[in-house]
Amino acid sequence: MKQELQDKIFEDFPELFQLRRPRKEGEMLMPTICYGIECGDGWYDLIYTLCNQINHYLKWSDNKCKIRVLQVKEKFGGLRFYTNGVPGEVRGMIRMAEAMSYKICEVCGNKGETSSTGGWFKTTCEEHR
């Protein structure tokens, strides 16, 4: 994902991406710090919406857990959104976004489908296939 799109997500949802802060001496690097968001720009709206939903949940629920995003990437043609332990409601939000990613082109965000080429899975529209 383009750096400016990642930065927008990190800036708008700092409480979710606190692990992206500069590390202190001797501190281990988390995947989010090392690699950023590892998927195409087409899933930006999906990821942004998911973060917004999680943010609203945290604001309005009685559950005062601290949710931290550990890694966001593509795997086997679908979105993977890894966090620390989360309540069932948030787990459901993440599963829904991950399921939706199999119908959204990772490149442009249009309607897509998952296909395999040489053992590599990718979800793309007809134009980007």
Protein backbone atom coordinates (compact mmCIF):
# COMPACT_ATOMS: atom_id res chain seq x y z
CA MET A 1 0.00 0.00 0.00
CA LYS A 2 1.24 3.47 -0.84
CA GLN A 3 2.94 5.23 2.04
CA GLU A 4 0.50 8.16 2.06
CA LEU A 5 -2.48 5.79 2.41
CA GLN A 6 -0.78 3.92 5.25
CA ASP A 7 0.11 7.18 6.96
CA LYS A 8 -3.54 8.31 6.80
CA ILE A 9 -4.66 5.12 8.55
CA PHE A 10 -1.88 5.35 11.15
CA GLU A 11 -2.64 9.03 11.81
CA ASP A 12 -6.44 8.61 12.03
CA PHE A 13 -6.25 5.55 14.32
CA PRO A 14 -3.16 6.06 16.50
CA GLU A 15 -4.62 4.07 19.41
CA LEU A 16 -4.87 0.98 17.21
CA PHE A 17 -1.42 1.39 15.68
CA GLN A 18 0.58 2.38 18.77
CA LEU A 19 3.05 -0.36 17.95
CA ARG A 20 4.10 1.71 14.93
CA ARG A 21 5.81 4.27 17.17
CA PRO A 22 9.64 4.40 17.06
CA ARG A 23 11.08 1.62 19.15
CA LYS A 24 13.15 2.11 22.28
CA GLU A 25 16.60 0.62 22.65
CA GLY A 26 16.40 -3.14 23.11
CA GLU A 27 12.73 -3.30 22.13
CA MET A 28 11.66 -5.90 19.57
CA LEU A 29 10.26 -4.68 16.26
CA MET A 30 6.66 -5.67 15.54
CA PRO A 31 5.66 -6.56 11.94
CA THR A 32 3.58 -3.38 11.59
CA ILE A 33 6.67 -1.28 12.29
CA CYS A 34 8.88 -3.31 9.98
CA TYR A 35 6.64 -3.77 7.02
CA GLY A 36 3.68 -1.40 7.22
CA ILE A 37 0.46 -2.51 5.59
CA GLU A 38 1.35 -5.27 3.15
CA CYS A 39 -1.42 -5.27 0.59
CA GLY A 40 -2.59 -3.31 -2.43
CA ASP A 41 -4.23 0.12 -2.45
CA GLY A 42 -7.56 -1.40 -3.49
CA TRP A 43 -8.22 -2.56 0.05
CA TYR A 44 -7.59 0.87 1.60
CA ASP A 45 -11.32 1.66 2.05
CA LEU A 46 -11.97 -1.78 3.52
CA ILE A 47 -9.14 -1.43 6.06
CA TYR A 48 -10.03 2.18 6.88
CA THR A 49 -13.68 1.23 7.47
CA LEU A 50 -12.68 -1.70 9.67
CA CYS A 51 -10.42 0.53 11.78
CA ASN A 52 -13.22 3.08 12.05
CA GLN A 53 -15.66 0.39 13.23
CA ILE A 54 -13.19 -0.88 15.82
CA ASN A 55 -12.58 2.70 16.97
CA HIS A 56 -16.33 3.28 17.42
CA TYR A 57 -16.65 0.02 19.32
CA LEU A 58 -13.89 1.10 21.71
CA LYS A 59 -15.49 4.52 22.18
CA TRP A 60 -19.04 3.33 22.87
CA SER A 61 -18.73 -0.09 24.49
CA ASP A 62 -18.40 -0.86 28.16
CA ASN A 63 -15.46 -3.09 27.31
CA LYS A 64 -12.35 -1.04 28.03
CA CYS A 65 -9.86 -3.34 26.33
CA LYS A 66 -6.85 -1.99 24.48
CA ILE A 67 -6.79 -3.27 20.93
CA ARG A 68 -3.49 -3.12 19.08
CA VAL A 69 -3.00 -3.99 15.43
CA LEU A 70 0.01 -6.24 15.01
CA GLN A 71 0.03 -6.83 11.25
CA VAL A 72 -2.07 -6.14 8.15
CA LYS A 73 -1.31 -8.08 4.98
CA GLU A 74 -2.57 -10.17 2.08
CA LYS A 75 -2.36 -13.96 2.29
CA PHE A 76 -3.82 -16.51 -0.13
CA GLY A 77 -5.71 -13.72 -1.91
CA GLY A 78 -7.42 -12.35 1.21
CA LEU A 79 -6.90 -9.71 3.86
CA ARG A 80 -5.31 -10.75 7.15
CA PHE A 81 -5.75 -8.33 10.05
CA TYR A 82 -3.83 -9.51 13.11
CA THR A 83 -4.41 -7.98 16.54
CA ASN A 84 -3.81 -8.76 20.18
CA GLY A 85 -6.67 -10.54 21.95
CA VAL A 86 -9.98 -8.88 21.09
CA PRO A 87 -13.62 -9.28 22.18
CA GLY A 88 -15.95 -11.38 20.03
CA GLU A 89 -17.66 -8.33 18.50
CA VAL A 90 -14.35 -7.04 17.13
CA ARG A 91 -13.32 -10.51 16.00
CA GLY A 92 -16.58 -10.58 14.01
CA MET A 93 -15.79 -7.22 12.40
CA ILE A 94 -12.36 -8.48 11.38
CA ARG A 95 -13.74 -11.74 9.97
CA MET A 96 -16.32 -9.82 7.94
CA ALA A 97 -13.66 -7.50 6.45
CA GLU A 98 -11.42 -10.47 5.69
CA ALA A 99 -14.32 -12.26 3.95
CA MET A 100 -15.21 -9.13 1.96
CA SER A 101 -11.63 -8.83 0.72
CA TYR A 102 -12.16 -11.93 -1.45
CA LYS A 103 -14.69 -9.91 -3.50
CA ILE A 104 -12.67 -6.66 -3.81
CA CYS A 105 -9.81 -6.12 -6.24
CA GLU A 106 -6.67 -5.61 -4.19
CA VAL A 107 -5.27 -3.32 -6.89
CA CYS A 108 -8.13 -0.87 -7.58
CA GLY A 109 -10.98 -1.61 -5.14
CA ASN A 110 -13.52 -2.63 -7.80
CA LYS A 111 -15.44 -5.90 -7.70
CA GLY A 112 -12.98 -8.76 -7.83
CA GLU A 113 -12.58 -12.48 -7.49
CA THR A 114 -9.81 -14.73 -6.27
CA SER A 115 -7.79 -16.66 -8.81
CA SER A 116 -4.60 -18.67 -8.78
CA THR A 117 -1.65 -18.42 -11.13
CA GLY A 118 1.28 -20.73 -10.59
CA GLY A 119 0.19 -21.43 -7.01
CA TRP A 120 -0.13 -17.73 -6.09
CA PHE A 121 -3.58 -16.53 -5.09
CA LYS A 122 -4.68 -12.97 -5.82
CA THR A 123 -8.04 -11.19 -5.66
CA THR A 124 -8.39 -8.86 -8.62
CA CYS A 125 -10.89 -7.49 -11.08
CA GLU A 126 -10.89 -8.64 -14.69
CA GLU A 127 -8.75 -5.67 -15.74
CA HIS A 128 -5.97 -6.46 -13.25
CA ARG A 129 -6.10 -10.24 -13.64
